[in-house]
C-alpha atoms as a PDB file:
ATOM      1  CA  MET A   1      71.658  73.822 101.665  1.00  0.00           C
ATOM      2  CA  TYR A   2      74.648  73.105 104.219  1.00  0.00           C
ATOM      3  CA  CYS A   3      76.144  69.887 103.881  1.00  0.00           C
ATOM      4  CA  ILE A   4      76.745  68.157 108.065  1.00  0.00           C
ATOM      5  CA  SER A   5      80.450  66.527 107.945  1.00  0.00           C
ATOM      6  CA  ASP A   6      80.418  63.599 110.030  1.00  0.00           C
ATOM      7  CA  GLN A   7      83.065  65.172 112.732  1.00  0.00           C
ATOM      8  CA  GLN A   8      80.196  67.228 112.999  1.00  0.00           C
ATOM      9  CA  ILE A   9      77.599  64.811 113.519  1.00  0.00           C
ATOM     10  CA  ASP A  10      80.270  63.539 116.012  1.00  0.00           C
ATOM     11  CA  PHE A  11      80.290  67.273 118.123  1.00  0.00           C
ATOM     12  CA  ILE A  12      76.389  67.299 118.134  1.00  0.00           C
ATOM     13  CA  LEU A  13      76.791  63.597 119.621  1.00  0.00           C
ATOM     14  CA  ALA A  14      79.579  64.019 122.499  1.00  0.00           C
ATOM     15  CA  ASP A  15      77.145  67.319 122.522  1.00  0.00           C
ATOM     16  CA  LEU A  16      73.688  66.052 123.124  1.00  0.00           C
ATOM     17  CA  HIS A  17      75.804  63.500 125.572  1.00  0.00           C
ATOM     18  CA  ARG A  18      77.529  65.552 127.667  1.00  0.00           C
ATOM     19  CA  LYS A  19      74.461  67.249 128.403  1.00  0.00           C
ATOM     20  CA  GLY A  20      72.576  64.502 130.137  1.00  0.00           C
ATOM     21  CA  ILE A  21      71.306  62.791 126.697  1.00  0.00           C
ATOM     22  CA  GLN A  22      71.968  59.496 127.900  1.00  0.00           C
ATOM     23  CA  ILE A  23      69.711  57.076 125.314  1.00  0.00           C
ATOM     24  CA  GLU A  24      70.324  55.691 122.864  1.00  0.00           C
ATOM     25  CA  GLY A  25      67.019  56.039 120.837  1.00  0.00           C
ATOM     26  CA  LEU A  26      66.497  59.702 121.973  1.00  0.00           C
ATOM     27  CA  GLN A  27      69.998  60.841 121.463  1.00  0.00           C
ATOM     28  CA  SER A  28      69.359  59.317 116.970  1.00  0.00           C
ATOM     29  CA  ASN A  29      66.799  61.035 117.140  1.00  0.00           C
ATOM     30  CA  LEU A  30      67.278  64.504 118.340  1.00  0.00           C
ATOM     31  CA  LEU A  31      70.438  63.962 115.566  1.00  0.00           C
ATOM     32  CA  ASP A  32      68.378  63.614 113.408  1.00  0.00           C
ATOM     33  CA  HIS A  33      66.305  66.649 114.239  1.00  0.00           C
ATOM     34  CA  ILE A  34      69.544  68.499 114.721  1.00  0.00           C
ATOM     35  CA  CYS A  35      70.399  67.797 111.347  1.00  0.00           C
ATOM     36  CA  ILE A  36      67.668  68.750 109.227  1.00  0.00           C
ATOM     37  CA  LEU A  37      67.461  71.919 110.874  1.00  0.00           C
ATOM     38  CA  ILE A  38      70.436  73.115 110.355  1.00  0.00           C
ATOM     39  CA  GLU A  39      70.601  72.084 106.941  1.00  0.00           C
ATOM     40  CA  GLU A  40      67.403  73.494 106.386  1.00  0.00           C
ATOM     41  CA  ASN A  41      68.346  76.668 107.673  1.00  0.00           C
ATOM     42  CA  LEU A  42      71.835  77.346 108.343  1.00  0.00           C
ATOM     43  CA  GLU A  43      74.188  78.485 104.430  1.00  0.00           C
ATOM     44  CA  GLU A  44      76.751  77.466 103.087  1.00  0.00           C
ATOM     45  CA  ASP A  45      79.816  79.667 104.651  1.00  0.00           C
ATOM     46  CA  GLY A  46      77.447  80.033 107.731  1.00  0.00           C
ATOM     47  CA  ASP A  47      79.114  79.350 111.825  1.00  0.00           C
ATOM     48  CA  PHE A  48      77.967  76.028 113.096  1.00  0.00           C
ATOM     49  CA  GLU A  49      78.969  75.814 116.247  1.00  0.00           C
ATOM     50  CA  GLN A  50      77.085  78.812 117.024  1.00  0.00           C
ATOM     51  CA  PHE A  51      74.546  77.962 114.795  1.00  0.00           C
ATOM     52  CA  TYR A  52      73.888  74.841 116.742  1.00  0.00           C
ATOM     53  CA  PHE A  53      74.155  76.745 120.350  1.00  0.00           C
ATOM     54  CA  THR A  54      71.302  78.803 118.847  1.00  0.00           C
ATOM     55  CA  THR A  55      69.230  76.090 117.683  1.00  0.00           C
ATOM     56  CA  ILE A  56      69.637  73.040 120.814  1.00  0.00           C
ATOM     57  CA  LYS A  57      68.579  76.433 122.993  1.00  0.00           C
ATOM     58  CA  THR A  58      64.921  76.029 121.347  1.00  0.00           C
ATOM     59  CA  PHE A  59      64.914  72.400 121.776  1.00  0.00           C
ATOM     60  CA  TYR A  60      64.162  73.088 126.181  1.00  0.00           C
ATOM     61  CA  GLN A  61      63.956  75.248 128.663  1.00  0.00           C
ATOM     62  CA  GLN A  62      66.424  75.414 132.223  1.00  0.00           C
ATOM     63  CA  GLU A  63      68.464  71.835 130.696  1.00  0.00           C
ATOM     64  CA  LEU A  64      68.664  69.176 127.598  1.00  0.00           C
ATOM     65  CA  ARG A  65      68.131  66.548 129.704  1.00  0.00           C
ATOM     66  CA  GLU A  66      64.213  67.786 130.357  1.00  0.00           C
ATOM     67  CA  ILE A  67      63.872  66.230 127.310  1.00  0.00           C
ATOM     68  CA  GLU A  68      64.705  62.204 128.881  1.00  0.00           C
ATOM     69  CA  GLU A  69      63.432  63.350 132.021  1.00  0.00           C
ATOM     70  CA  GLU A  70      59.788  63.952 129.426  1.00  0.00           C
ATOM     71  CA  ALA A  71      60.689  60.219 127.837  1.00  0.00           C
ATOM     72  CA  LEU A  72      61.299  58.123 130.660  1.00  0.00           C
ATOM     73  CA  PHE A  73      57.951  59.992 133.086  1.00  0.00           C
ATOM     74  CA  LEU A  74      56.034  58.903 129.361  1.00  0.00           C
ATOM     75  CA  LEU A  75      57.314  55.609 128.995  1.00  0.00           C
ATOM     76  CA  GLN A  76      56.644  54.914 133.039  1.00  0.00           C
ATOM     77  CA  PHE A  77      52.834  56.370 132.451  1.00  0.00           C
ATOM     78  CA  GLN A  78      52.239  55.569 128.687  1.00  0.00           C
ATOM     79  CA  HIS A  79      49.157  53.249 129.781  1.00  0.00           C
ATOM     80  CA  HIS A  80      48.174  56.060 131.834  1.00  0.00           C
ATOM     81  CA  LEU A  81      45.020  58.680 130.831  1.00  0.00           C
ATOM     82  CA  ARG A  82      45.956  62.206 131.136  1.00  0.00           C
ATOM     83  CA  PHE A  83      43.604  65.145 132.025  1.00  0.00           C
ATOM     84  CA  SER A  84      43.687  68.449 132.261  1.00  0.00           C
ATOM     85  CA  ARG A  85      43.008  70.073 136.351  1.00  0.00           C
ATOM     86  CA  ASN A  86      39.909  71.414 134.378  1.00  0.00           C
ATOM     87  CA  GLN A  87      39.123  68.517 132.631  1.00  0.00           C
ATOM     88  CA  PHE A  88      39.369  65.896 135.659  1.00  0.00           C
ATOM     89  CA  PHE A  89      36.871  67.600 137.271  1.00  0.00           C
ATOM     90  CA  LEU A  90      34.195  67.647 134.076  1.00  0.00           C
ATOM     91  CA  LEU A  91      34.130  63.907 134.537  1.00  0.00           C
ATOM     92  CA  LEU A  92      33.935  63.730 138.093  1.00  0.00           C
ATOM     93  CA  PHE A  93      30.837  65.704 137.675  1.00  0.00           C
ATOM     94  CA  THR A  94      29.555  63.932 134.865  1.00  0.00           C
ATOM     95  CA  ILE A  95      30.520  60.687 137.279  1.00  0.00           C
ATOM     96  CA  PHE A  96      28.644  61.718 140.789  1.00  0.00           C
ATOM     97  CA  ILE A  97      26.248  64.052 139.192  1.00  0.00           C
ATOM     98  CA  GLY A  98      25.134  63.318 136.123  1.00  0.00           C
ATOM     99  CA  PRO A  99      23.359  59.938 136.881  1.00  0.00           C
ATOM    100  CA  PHE A 100      20.906  62.372 139.579  1.00  0.00           C
ATOM    101  CA  ILE A 101      20.764  64.314 136.236  1.00  0.00           C
ATOM    102  CA  ALA A 102      20.427  62.108 133.421  1.00  0.00           C
ATOM    103  CA  GLY A 103      17.712  60.106 135.547  1.00  0.00           C
ATOM    104  CA  ASP A 104      15.133  63.027 136.778  1.00  0.00           C
ATOM    105  CA  LEU A 105      15.312  64.511 132.372  1.00  0.00           C
ATOM    106  CA  LEU A 106      14.683  60.087 131.729  1.00  0.00           C
ATOM    107  CA  TRP A 107      11.881  60.989 134.380  1.00  0.00           C
ATOM    108  CA  LEU A 108      10.531  63.843 133.170  1.00  0.00           C
ATOM    109  CA  ILE A 109      10.818  62.784 129.680  1.00  0.00           C
ATOM    110  CA  ASN A 110       8.589  59.763 130.042  1.00  0.00           C
ATOM    111  CA  SER A 111       6.277  61.289 132.084  1.00  0.00           C
ATOM    112  CA  VAL A 112       5.243  64.055 129.767  1.00  0.00           C
ATOM    113  CA  ASP A 113       2.420  61.749 128.183  1.00  0.00           C
ATOM    114  CA  SER A 114       0.397  61.243 131.238  1.00  0.00           C
ATOM    115  CA  ASN A 115       0.899  64.121 133.734  1.00  0.00           C
ATOM    116  CA  GLY A 116       2.785  66.834 131.553  1.00  0.00           C
ATOM    117  CA  TRP A 117       5.439  68.698 133.131  1.00  0.00           C
ATOM    118  CA  ASN A 118       4.697  67.786 137.206  1.00  0.00           C
ATOM    119  CA  LEU A 119       7.840  67.992 139.103  1.00  0.00           C
ATOM    120  CA  PRO A 120       7.228  65.617 142.289  1.00  0.00           C
ATOM    121  CA  PHE A 121       9.371  66.937 145.560  1.00  0.00           C
ATOM    122  CA  GLU A 122      10.239  62.786 145.551  1.00  0.00           C
ATOM    123  CA  ILE A 123      12.204  62.698 142.056  1.00  0.00           C
ATOM    124  CA  TRP A 124      13.703  66.603 141.721  1.00  0.00           C
ATOM    125  CA  GLY A 125      14.607  66.219 146.447  1.00  0.00           C
ATOM    126  CA  ALA A 126      16.355  62.937 146.435  1.00  0.00           C
ATOM    127  CA  THR A 127      18.441  64.798 143.879  1.00  0.00           C
ATOM    128  CA  VAL A 128      19.073  67.619 145.497  1.00  0.00           C
ATOM    129  CA  VAL A 129      19.682  65.414 148.796  1.00  0.00           C
ATOM    130  CA  TYR A 130      21.445  63.116 147.412  1.00  0.00           C
ATOM    131  CA  SER A 131      23.555  64.756 145.362  1.00  0.00           C
ATOM    132  CA  LEU A 132      24.561  67.674 146.960  1.00  0.00           C
ATOM    133  CA  PHE A 133      27.703  66.383 149.534  1.00  0.00           C
ATOM    134  CA  PRO A 134      29.490  65.413 146.060  1.00  0.00           C
ATOM    135  CA  LEU A 135      28.784  68.477 144.907  1.00  0.00           C
ATOM    136  CA  LEU A 136      30.006  70.258 147.766  1.00  0.00           C
ATOM    137  CA  ILE A 137      33.090  68.457 147.967  1.00  0.00           C
ATOM    138  CA  LEU A 138      33.774  68.894 143.853  1.00  0.00           C
ATOM    139  CA  LEU A 139      33.144  72.872 144.705  1.00  0.00           C
ATOM    140  CA  VAL A 140      35.648  72.848 147.519  1.00  0.00           C
ATOM    141  CA  LEU A 141      38.126  70.467 145.561  1.00  0.00           C
ATOM    142  CA  PHE A 142      37.886  72.889 142.669  1.00  0.00           C
ATOM    143  CA  LEU A 143      37.502  76.612 144.063  1.00  0.00           C
ATOM    144  CA  THR A 144      40.151  76.089 146.829  1.00  0.00           C
ATOM    145  CA  PRO A 145      42.621  79.108 145.885  1.00  0.00           C
ATOM    146  CA  GLU A 146      45.957  78.645 145.406  1.00  0.00           C
ATOM    147  CA  ARG A 147      47.263  80.262 148.698  1.00  0.00           C
ATOM    148  CA  GLN A 148      45.789  77.585 150.729  1.00  0.00           C
ATOM    149  CA  ASP A 149      47.438  74.675 148.751  1.00  0.00           C
ATOM    150  CA  PRO A 150      45.148  73.231 147.297  1.00  0.00           C
ATOM    151  CA  LEU A 151      44.852  68.991 146.902  1.00  0.00           C
ATOM    152  CA  ILE A 152      44.798  70.177 143.001  1.00  0.00           C
ATOM    153  CA  PRO A 153      45.993  72.668 141.983  1.00  0.00           C
ATOM    154  CA  LYS A 154      45.907  74.667 139.512  1.00  0.00           C
ATOM    155  CA  LYS A 155      47.733  74.148 135.623  1.00  0.00           C
ATOM    156  CA  SER A 156      48.516  70.337 136.723  1.00  0.00           C
ATOM    157  CA  THR A 157      48.173  67.750 134.953  1.00  0.00           C
ATOM    158  CA  ILE A 158      45.715  63.979 136.399  1.00  0.00           C
ATOM    159  CA  LEU A 159      46.535  60.722 135.723  1.00  0.00           C
ATOM    160  CA  LEU A 160      45.244  57.802 136.126  1.00  0.00           C
ATOM    161  CA  GLY A 161      45.043  54.731 135.735  1.00  0.00           C
ATOM    162  CA  ILE A 162      46.338  51.404 137.588  1.00  0.00           C
ATOM    163  CA  LYS A 163      49.023  51.434 139.283  1.00  0.00           C
ATOM    164  CA  PRO A 164      48.798  53.943 140.989  1.00  0.00           C
ATOM    165  CA  PHE A 165      44.991  55.063 140.104  1.00  0.00           C
ATOM    166  CA  ILE A 166      45.753  59.039 140.297  1.00  0.00           C
ATOM    167  CA  LYS A 167      49.395  61.051 140.162  1.00  0.00           C
ATOM    168  CA  ILE A 168      48.328  64.545 140.575  1.00  0.00           C
ATOM    169  CA  ILE A 169      51.429  65.816 138.500  1.00  0.00           C
ATOM    170  CA  PRO A 170      51.791  69.575 140.105  1.00  0.00           C
ATOM    171  CA  ALA A 171      52.370  72.605 137.082  1.00  0.00           C
ATOM    172  CA  ARG A 172      56.341  73.695 136.620  1.00  0.00           C
ATOM    173  CA  ALA A 173      56.794  77.074 138.265  1.00  0.00           C
END
């Protein structure tokens, strides 16, 4: 097991600061994770700097400051519900179409005893008419192809909260 020196810890902290990590709590958490990885995986006679630079690249896609940006984003929107695009449309379908279906199913369950499986037009016709418009809006929003710049792009994240009520975060390229 490798033992990290104080100079190496200072080197790691300086490198984290140089690469854009300014929040002290995030610096200490990253330092802790990096030190644990180095101590567990680096051989006693291994090259510390090479192993460090190889390890640090696994923490980000393009730049290390992405971690701080994501942390700040999560702090800003911590009281929001986070949905994938499919979850969001399922929620909208449940809210706008679900009551019609639930009302019809309840009517159907309650009418079995008296009339059998009689399906009057007044019940099912109103469901079709009143749920058709919200359903068409949901389908247009959901099925809009990427080439036509949809309101809610595929692989995006939707945040529901107070301010703002709905925030759409497009997927990173």
